[in-house]
Protein backbone atom coordinates (compact mmCIF):
# COMPACT_ATOMS: atom_id res chain seq x y z
CA MET A 1 20.96 -1.73 -19.08
CA THR A 2 22.88 -4.97 -18.57
CA LEU A 3 21.99 -7.48 -15.85
CA LYS A 4 25.27 -6.61 -14.15
CA GLY A 5 24.20 -3.00 -14.11
CA LEU A 6 20.83 -3.89 -12.62
CA GLU A 7 22.46 -5.92 -9.88
CA LYS A 8 24.84 -3.09 -9.09
CA THR A 9 22.03 -0.56 -8.92
CA TYR A 10 19.35 -2.55 -7.11
CA MET A 11 20.59 -5.79 -5.62
CA ALA A 12 24.19 -5.64 -4.46
CA LYS A 13 23.50 -3.30 -1.56
CA VAL A 14 20.22 -4.63 -0.24
CA ALA A 15 19.17 -7.24 2.28
CA PRO A 16 18.87 -10.92 1.28
CA VAL A 17 15.15 -10.59 0.50
CA SER A 18 14.71 -9.39 -3.10
CA ILE A 19 13.43 -5.84 -3.26
CA LYS A 20 10.26 -4.75 -5.03
CA TYR A 21 10.38 -0.97 -4.92
CA MET A 22 12.98 1.81 -4.80
CA VAL A 23 12.02 5.08 -3.07
CA HIS A 24 13.87 8.03 -4.63
CA ALA A 25 14.04 11.29 -2.65
CA SER A 26 15.98 14.55 -2.82
CA PHE A 27 17.08 16.67 0.13
CA LYS A 28 18.42 20.14 0.88
CA ALA A 29 20.17 21.26 4.08
CA GLU A 30 21.22 24.75 5.14
CA GLY A 31 24.77 23.73 6.11
CA PRO A 32 27.53 21.19 5.43
CA LEU A 33 26.69 17.52 5.99
CA GLU A 34 28.17 14.07 5.61
CA LYS A 35 26.40 10.88 4.55
CA PRO A 36 26.19 9.44 8.11
CA ASP A 37 24.28 12.58 9.14
CA VAL A 38 21.56 11.83 6.58
CA ILE A 39 21.34 8.12 7.50
CA GLY A 40 21.18 9.01 11.18
CA ALA A 41 18.36 11.49 10.59
CA ILE A 42 16.33 8.93 8.62
CA PHE A 43 16.49 6.32 11.37
CA GLY A 44 16.41 8.75 14.30
CA GLN A 45 13.54 11.00 13.25
CA THR A 46 11.27 8.17 12.06
CA GLU A 47 11.82 6.07 15.19
CA GLY A 48 8.51 5.50 16.97
CA LEU A 49 6.63 7.50 14.33
CA LEU A 50 4.93 4.55 12.59
CA GLY A 51 4.81 2.03 15.43
CA SER A 52 6.56 -1.31 15.79
CA GLU A 53 5.10 -2.69 12.56
CA LEU A 54 6.98 -0.18 10.40
CA GLU A 55 10.04 0.59 12.56
CA MET A 56 12.76 1.19 9.94
CA ARG A 57 15.62 -0.24 12.01
CA GLU A 58 13.68 -3.46 12.58
CA LEU A 59 12.59 -3.65 8.94
CA GLN A 60 16.22 -3.37 7.86
CA LYS A 61 17.24 -6.13 10.29
CA GLU A 62 14.51 -8.33 8.82
CA GLY A 63 15.69 -7.61 5.27
CA LYS A 64 12.52 -5.76 4.31
CA ILE A 65 14.44 -2.52 3.81
CA GLY A 66 17.81 -2.63 2.10
CA ARG A 67 20.90 -0.49 2.48
CA ILE A 68 20.02 3.19 2.19
CA GLU A 69 22.20 5.01 -0.36
CA VAL A 70 22.97 8.73 -0.07
CA ASN A 71 24.69 11.00 -2.60
CA LEU A 72 25.41 14.60 -1.61
CA GLU A 73 27.38 17.65 -2.65
CA MET A 74 28.04 21.18 -1.39
CA VAL A 75 26.64 24.16 -3.29
CA ASP A 76 27.16 27.68 -1.91
CA GLY A 77 27.66 26.33 1.60
CA LYS A 78 24.49 24.22 1.48
CA SER A 79 24.19 20.45 1.16
CA ILE A 80 21.99 18.95 -1.56
CA GLY A 81 21.66 15.40 -2.71
CA ASP A 82 19.47 12.36 -3.19
CA ILE A 83 18.47 9.29 -1.21
CA GLN A 84 17.54 5.78 -2.39
CA VAL A 85 15.63 3.41 -0.08
CA PRO A 86 15.08 -0.15 -1.44
CA THR A 87 12.15 -2.07 0.09
CA ALA A 88 10.67 -5.55 -0.06
CA LEU A 89 7.38 -4.28 1.41
CA ASP A 90 4.07 -4.09 -0.43
CA LYS A 91 2.81 -0.94 -2.18
CA SER A 92 0.90 0.48 0.77
CA GLU A 93 3.69 0.00 3.29
CA THR A 94 6.30 1.38 0.87
CA THR A 95 4.30 4.58 0.34
CA ILE A 96 3.93 5.00 4.12
CA ILE A 97 7.72 4.70 4.56
CA ALA A 98 8.21 7.23 1.72
CA ALA A 99 5.80 9.70 3.31
CA ALA A 100 7.59 9.35 6.64
CA LEU A 101 10.83 10.56 5.03
CA GLU A 102 9.18 13.89 4.22
CA THR A 103 8.52 14.56 7.93
CA ILE A 104 12.28 14.94 8.58
CA ASP A 105 13.00 18.61 9.14
CA ARG A 106 16.54 18.52 10.51
CA ILE A 107 19.72 16.69 9.45
CA GLY A 108 22.73 16.90 11.71
CA PRO A 109 23.03 20.43 13.11
CA THR A 110 21.10 22.13 10.29
CA GLU A 111 17.53 22.60 9.11
CA ALA A 112 16.67 20.45 6.12
CA SER A 113 13.83 19.23 3.92
CA ILE A 114 13.28 15.95 2.08
CA GLN A 115 11.01 15.48 -0.96
CA VAL A 116 10.12 12.06 -2.42
CA THR A 117 10.51 12.32 -6.21
CA LYS A 118 9.24 8.90 -7.24
CA ILE A 119 8.69 5.30 -6.18
CA GLU A 120 10.09 2.91 -8.77
CA ASP A 121 8.93 -0.65 -9.33
CA VAL A 122 12.31 -2.41 -9.62
CA ARG A 123 10.74 -5.60 -10.91
CA GLY A 124 9.59 -3.76 -14.02
CA SER A 125 13.20 -2.90 -14.93
CA LYS A 126 14.22 -6.51 -14.42
CA ARG A 127 11.38 -7.78 -16.59
CA ASP A 128 12.32 -5.36 -19.38
CA PHE A 129 15.88 -6.64 -19.27
CA ILE A 130 14.72 -10.28 -19.30
CA ILE A 131 12.50 -9.71 -22.36
CA GLU A 132 15.24 -7.96 -24.34
CA ARG A 133 17.90 -10.47 -23.39
CA ALA A 134 15.61 -13.44 -24.05
CA LYS A 135 14.85 -12.17 -27.57
CA LYS A 136 18.56 -11.94 -28.36
CA LEU A 137 19.21 -15.43 -26.98
CA LEU A 138 16.27 -16.79 -28.93
CA GLU A 139 17.66 -15.38 -32.16
CA GLY A 140 20.94 -17.18 -31.51
CA ILE A 141 19.47 -20.66 -31.13
CA ASP A 142 20.42 -22.64 -34.27
CA GLY A 143 20.57 -19.36 -36.18
CA SER A 144 16.79 -19.10 -36.15
CA SER A 145 13.99 -17.72 -34.01
CA ASP A 146 10.32 -18.30 -33.43
CA PHE A 147 8.81 -15.49 -35.48
CA ASN A 148 5.39 -15.90 -33.89
CA ASP A 149 6.72 -15.37 -30.34
CA ILE A 150 8.74 -12.30 -31.33
CA SER A 151 5.80 -10.94 -33.32
CA LYS A 152 3.50 -11.37 -30.32
CA THR A 153 5.98 -9.56 -28.03
CA LEU A 154 6.37 -6.70 -30.48
CA LYS A 155 2.60 -6.32 -30.84
CA GLU A 156 2.19 -6.25 -27.05
CA GLU A 157 4.94 -3.67 -26.68
CA SER A 158 3.39 -1.58 -29.45
CA ARG A 159 0.05 -1.56 -27.63
CA ALA A 160 1.78 -0.66 -24.36
CA GLU A 161 3.45 2.31 -26.07
CA LYS A 162 -0.01 3.82 -26.56
CA ILE A 163 0.02 4.81 -22.90
CA GLN A 164 -0.61 8.53 -22.40
CA GLU A 165 -0.74 11.02 -19.54
CA TYR A 166 -4.07 12.31 -18.27
CA GLY A 167 -4.78 15.53 -16.38
CA PRO A 168 -2.56 17.85 -14.33
CA GLU A 169 -1.32 14.90 -12.25
CA ARG A 170 -0.18 13.18 -15.46
CA LEU A 171 -1.85 9.87 -14.66
CA PRO A 172 -0.96 6.90 -16.89
CA ALA A 173 -3.93 6.09 -19.11
CA GLY A 174 -5.16 4.49 -22.32
CA ASP A 175 -8.19 5.53 -24.37
CA LEU A 176 -10.77 7.18 -22.10
CA SER A 177 -13.13 8.39 -24.83
CA GLY A 178 -15.80 5.74 -24.14
CA PRO A 179 -18.49 5.75 -21.44
CA GLU A 180 -16.77 3.13 -19.27
CA VAL A 181 -13.38 3.47 -17.54
CA ILE A 182 -11.34 0.91 -15.57
CA VAL A 183 -9.33 2.38 -12.68
CA VAL A 184 -6.23 0.46 -11.52
CA GLU A 185 -3.58 1.17 -8.90
CA GLY A 186 -0.44 2.06 -10.89
CA ARG A 187 1.40 2.44 -14.16
CA ALA A 188 2.47 -1.23 -14.34
CA ASP A 189 -1.20 -2.26 -14.11
CA VAL A 190 -2.10 0.13 -16.95
CA VAL A 191 0.70 -1.27 -19.13
CA ASN A 192 -0.45 -4.85 -18.53
CA LEU A 193 -4.05 -4.11 -19.45
CA LEU A 194 -3.00 -2.24 -22.61
CA LYS A 195 -0.82 -5.20 -23.65
CA ASN A 196 -3.89 -7.41 -23.32
CA ARG A 197 -6.16 -5.13 -25.41
CA VAL A 198 -8.01 -3.52 -22.50
CA ASN A 199 -7.62 0.12 -23.54
CA ASN A 200 -10.12 2.08 -21.41
CA VAL A 201 -7.86 2.11 -18.34
CA ILE A 202 -6.30 4.73 -16.05
CA GLY A 203 -3.93 4.37 -13.07
CA MET A 204 -3.99 6.18 -9.71
CA ASN A 205 -0.19 6.21 -9.33
CA GLY A 206 -0.39 5.04 -5.73
CA THR A 207 -2.86 4.50 -2.91
CA LYS A 208 -4.21 8.06 -2.74
CA LEU A 209 -7.18 8.86 -4.97
CA PRO A 210 -6.30 11.60 -7.52
CA ALA A 211 -8.84 14.40 -8.04
CA GLU A 212 -9.00 13.62 -11.79
CA ILE A 213 -10.40 10.15 -11.13
CA ALA A 214 -12.99 11.46 -8.69
CA LYS A 215 -14.11 13.86 -11.43
CA LEU A 216 -14.28 11.04 -14.01
CA GLY A 217 -16.86 9.29 -11.82
CA ALA A 218 -19.31 12.11 -12.51
CA THR A 219 -19.37 11.46 -16.27
CA LYS A 220 -18.11 7.90 -16.72
CA GLU A 221 -19.10 4.49 -15.40
CA ILE A 222 -16.07 3.47 -13.34
CA THR A 223 -14.98 -0.08 -12.58
CA LEU A 224 -12.29 -0.25 -9.89
CA PHE A 225 -9.80 -3.11 -10.54
CA VAL A 226 -7.49 -3.83 -7.57
CA ASP A 227 -4.92 -6.41 -6.46
CA GLY A 228 -6.16 -9.59 -4.81
CA ASP A 229 -4.64 -8.86 -1.40
CA ARG A 230 -5.36 -6.90 1.76
CA GLY A 231 -3.76 -3.79 0.28
CA GLY A 232 -6.15 -3.96 -2.67
CA LYS A 233 -9.16 -4.14 -0.34
CA LEU A 234 -7.96 -1.13 1.66
CA ILE A 235 -7.43 0.89 -1.52
CA ALA A 236 -10.90 -0.11 -2.74
CA ARG A 237 -12.48 1.08 0.52
CA ASN A 238 -10.70 4.43 0.22
CA VAL A 239 -11.76 4.96 -3.41
CA ILE A 240 -15.36 3.92 -2.72
CA ASP A 241 -15.53 6.46 0.11
CA ASN A 242 -14.24 9.30 -2.07
CA ALA A 243 -15.55 8.70 -5.62
CA LYS A 244 -18.60 7.44 -7.49
CA ILE A 245 -17.82 3.80 -8.39
CA ALA A 246 -20.14 1.53 -10.38
CA ALA A 247 -18.40 -1.82 -9.81
CA VAL A 248 -15.36 -3.46 -8.22
CA ALA A 249 -13.17 -6.22 -9.70
CA MET A 250 -10.35 -7.99 -7.89
CA ALA A 251 -7.38 -9.98 -9.14
CA PRO A 252 -7.27 -13.64 -8.03
CA ASP A 253 -6.31 -14.10 -4.39
CA GLY A 254 -2.65 -13.23 -3.78
CA LYS A 255 -2.04 -11.87 -7.29
CA GLU A 256 -1.43 -8.32 -8.52
CA VAL A 257 -3.15 -6.83 -11.58
CA GLU A 258 0.21 -6.14 -13.22
CA GLU A 259 1.09 -9.86 -13.33
CA LEU A 260 -2.20 -11.25 -14.68
CA THR A 261 -2.48 -12.97 -18.05
CA GLY A 262 -5.02 -11.79 -20.60
CA LYS A 263 -7.38 -14.61 -19.66
CA GLU A 264 -7.13 -13.81 -15.94
CA ILE A 265 -7.83 -10.12 -16.62
CA LEU A 266 -11.02 -10.88 -18.57
CA MET A 267 -12.22 -13.41 -15.99
CA ALA A 268 -11.66 -10.94 -13.14
CA LEU A 269 -13.55 -8.19 -14.99
CA ARG A 270 -16.43 -10.56 -15.76
CA LYS A 271 -16.71 -11.38 -12.04
CA LYS A 272 -16.91 -7.72 -11.02
CA THR A 273 -19.51 -6.92 -8.36
CA THR A 274 -21.53 -3.90 -7.40
CA VAL A 275 -20.12 -1.69 -4.65
CA GLY A 276 -22.78 -2.93 -2.26
CA GLU A 277 -21.92 -6.58 -2.90
CA PHE A 278 -18.21 -5.84 -2.52
CA LEU A 279 -18.70 -4.13 0.85
CA ARG A 280 -20.93 -6.96 2.05
CA LYS A 281 -18.23 -9.42 1.01
CA LEU A 282 -15.70 -7.52 3.13
CA LYS A 283 -18.13 -7.46 6.04
CA TYR A 284 -18.52 -11.27 6.08
CA GLY A 285 -14.84 -11.88 5.32
CA ASP A 286 -15.37 -14.49 2.58
CA ASP A 287 -16.33 -14.86 -1.06
CA ASP A 288 -19.95 -15.82 -0.41
CA LEU A 289 -21.93 -12.91 -1.78
CA SER A 290 -25.18 -14.71 -1.00
CA ALA A 291 -24.54 -14.62 2.76
CA PRO A 292 -27.68 -13.56 4.64
CA GLU A 293 -27.91 -10.21 6.33
CA ALA A 294 -26.74 -10.25 9.95
CA PRO A 295 -29.69 -10.70 12.36
CA SER A 296 -30.84 -7.47 13.91
CA SER A 297 -30.33 -9.00 17.39
CA VAL A 298 -26.56 -8.98 16.98
CA GLU A 299 -26.24 -5.60 15.32
CA VAL A 300 -24.23 -3.15 17.40
CA SER A 301 -25.93 0.23 17.66
CA ALA A 302 -23.93 3.44 17.72
CA PRO A 303 -22.59 3.99 21.28
CA THR A 304 -24.13 6.83 23.27
CA ALA A 305 -22.05 9.45 25.05
CA ALA A 306 -22.71 7.68 28.36
CA SER A 307 -21.68 4.25 27.05
CA ILE A 308 -18.53 5.75 25.52
CA ALA A 309 -17.57 7.25 28.87
CA GLU A 310 -18.17 3.91 30.62
CA ALA A 311 -16.16 2.09 27.96
CA LYS A 312 -13.22 4.46 28.41
CA GLU A 313 -13.13 3.77 32.15
CA SER A 314 -13.34 0.00 31.60
CA MET A 315 -10.63 0.10 28.94
CA LYS A 316 -8.28 2.09 31.15
CA LYS A 317 -8.71 -0.52 33.90
CA ALA A 318 -7.97 -3.33 31.43
CA TYR A 319 -4.99 -1.36 30.09
CA GLU A 320 -3.27 -1.63 33.47
CA LYS A 321 -2.84 -5.37 32.77
CA ILE A 322 -0.67 -4.72 29.68
CA LYS A 323 0.81 -1.31 30.51
CA GLY A 324 4.56 -1.23 29.94
CA THR A 325 4.61 -4.53 27.98
CA LYS A 326 4.38 -3.01 24.46
CA ASN A 327 1.70 -5.63 23.77
CA ALA A 328 -1.89 -5.46 22.54
CA ALA A 329 -5.03 -7.08 23.92
CA LEU A 330 -8.35 -8.13 22.38
CA LEU A 331 -11.35 -7.57 24.69
CA ASP A 332 -14.89 -8.94 24.76
CA ASN A 333 -17.97 -6.83 25.48
CA SER A 334 -17.34 -7.20 29.22
CA PHE A 335 -13.87 -5.71 28.65
CA ASP A 336 -12.23 -8.95 29.73
CA ILE A 337 -9.07 -9.90 27.84
CA ILE A 338 -9.65 -12.58 25.20
CA GLN A 339 -6.10 -12.69 23.89
CA LYS A 340 -2.76 -10.87 24.23
CA VAL A 341 -0.75 -10.38 21.02
CA SER A 342 1.93 -8.12 19.61
CA PRO A 343 0.61 -4.88 17.98
CA ARG A 344 1.71 -6.18 14.57
CA GLU A 345 -0.45 -9.29 14.97
CA VAL A 346 -3.70 -7.42 15.75
CA PRO A 347 -5.13 -7.45 12.15
CA ARG A 348 -4.51 -11.20 11.72
CA SER A 349 -5.79 -12.01 15.21
CA LEU A 350 -9.01 -10.08 14.54
CA ARG A 351 -9.60 -12.11 11.37
CA GLU A 352 -8.91 -15.44 13.10
CA SER A 353 -10.58 -14.81 16.47
CA LYS A 354 -13.40 -17.25 17.19
CA LYS A 355 -14.90 -14.84 19.70
CA LYS A 356 -16.45 -11.47 18.95
CA VAL A 357 -13.88 -8.76 19.67
CA TYR A 358 -15.54 -5.66 21.13
CA ALA A 359 -12.46 -3.57 21.88
CA VAL A 360 -8.70 -3.53 21.24
CA LEU A 361 -5.98 -2.11 23.50
CA ILE A 362 -2.45 -1.25 22.33
CA ASP A 363 0.41 -0.27 24.61
CA GLY A 364 1.91 1.93 21.89
CA ILE A 365 0.88 3.52 18.59
CA ALA A 366 -2.15 2.30 16.64
CA VAL A 367 -1.15 2.49 12.95
CA SER A 368 -3.51 2.82 9.97
CA THR A 369 -3.50 -0.92 9.18
CA THR A 370 -4.72 -1.68 12.71
CA VAL A 371 -7.41 1.00 12.50
CA SER A 372 -8.63 -0.40 9.16
CA ALA A 373 -8.65 -3.96 10.54
CA CYS A 374 -10.80 -2.80 13.49
CA ASP A 375 -13.21 -1.10 11.08
CA GLU A 376 -13.49 -4.24 8.92
CA SER A 377 -14.06 -6.51 11.95
CA GLY A 378 -16.70 -4.28 13.51
CA VAL A 379 -14.64 -3.46 16.63
CA ALA A 380 -16.41 -0.79 18.71
CA PHE A 381 -13.43 0.74 20.55
CA LEU A 382 -9.69 1.03 19.90
CA GLY A 383 -7.47 2.31 22.70
CA ALA A 384 -3.81 3.27 22.31
CA THR A 385 -1.21 5.68 23.67
CA ASN A 386 -1.06 7.35 20.25
CA PHE A 387 -2.59 7.07 16.78
CA SER A 388 -1.32 7.30 13.20
CA GLY A 389 -3.41 7.48 9.98
CA VAL A 390 -6.90 7.52 11.50
CA ASP A 391 -8.68 9.72 8.93
CA GLY A 392 -12.15 8.34 8.28
CA ALA A 393 -11.93 5.73 11.06
CA LYS A 394 -15.28 4.25 12.09
CA VAL A 395 -14.04 2.65 15.32
CA ASN A 396 -14.24 4.81 18.45
CA LEU A 397 -10.72 5.90 19.42
CA VAL A 398 -9.72 6.04 23.09
CA SER A 399 -6.45 7.71 24.14
CA LEU A 400 -4.87 5.78 27.00
């Protein structure tokens, strides 16, 4: 594909922020539709579903979601077609937006269904174009080319072509015949490790743990290798909770596994830690794995039924101070307000708070990222008018 073609497909119709992923979905409706009907259903039926942090109208205004493209046709009186949603969000947020599309059950006046077919990493297509075009330009310089550079590229591409599909879910993988297996997040991560001679690798194809990988943990020694960001930590927690993992490795802070050099990959794998050390690192919020255990005097015991009832009453009284504001509040163990913030800022505020946060109140929906942040920070209670993505939550949830 030419660069002009890439721009036409991915860039010309999106917001100013460069996109990372393209969500592809198909739909079927029982009656005749027009494109505005589909767009209206996407914005209308997802409004308020994911909270203010992932409100699609606001994300589009901020340039984090590009122009949504719809193609449709009529077949036997029914409307069928496809939808493309470009995003500049990270992997976790993009998959949440994609899943939200599948909750739409009506478009215009007719019943309908939407199915996400794939989530495409647009940057991979651009990189492929750059490599091919750069090789041609290199050959044209003074009628000669650097044979060593081209040879290296061809060898890397040849190794990447060894990628295969594993199990019923057709997971991207290399050679899994040995006793040790490295589990990464997606196909691009698998390709990068294969290029750099790390062959015993398999990808999860997203944030949800596939059953095949959980089964591998019973017979193989699994090292989980995740991105060096908050999303990577959340994925690691989910995998650790649902599969037998021997060790965890993380990319350098702020980097993704798919963009690491060979040297960075080996260094990250050499620094892998046991699951226990990794969880302790998350608990203390820094890289010091030698941090002492928290003194027993400050450990919070599991709340009793009586203390939970008292907490609910205290939280509802505190909630009156923010009710109707669409804000959030951090509370101490006396249920006094430490700080008022927007719901989107709760995870960051928990990390930066100099005081121990005992409870969090949200005048709105508590989304999964907020729930996870409360779990990581040891928050005892989370109160909200509604909740989204709370499976496995450790924090006590209070409906306001």
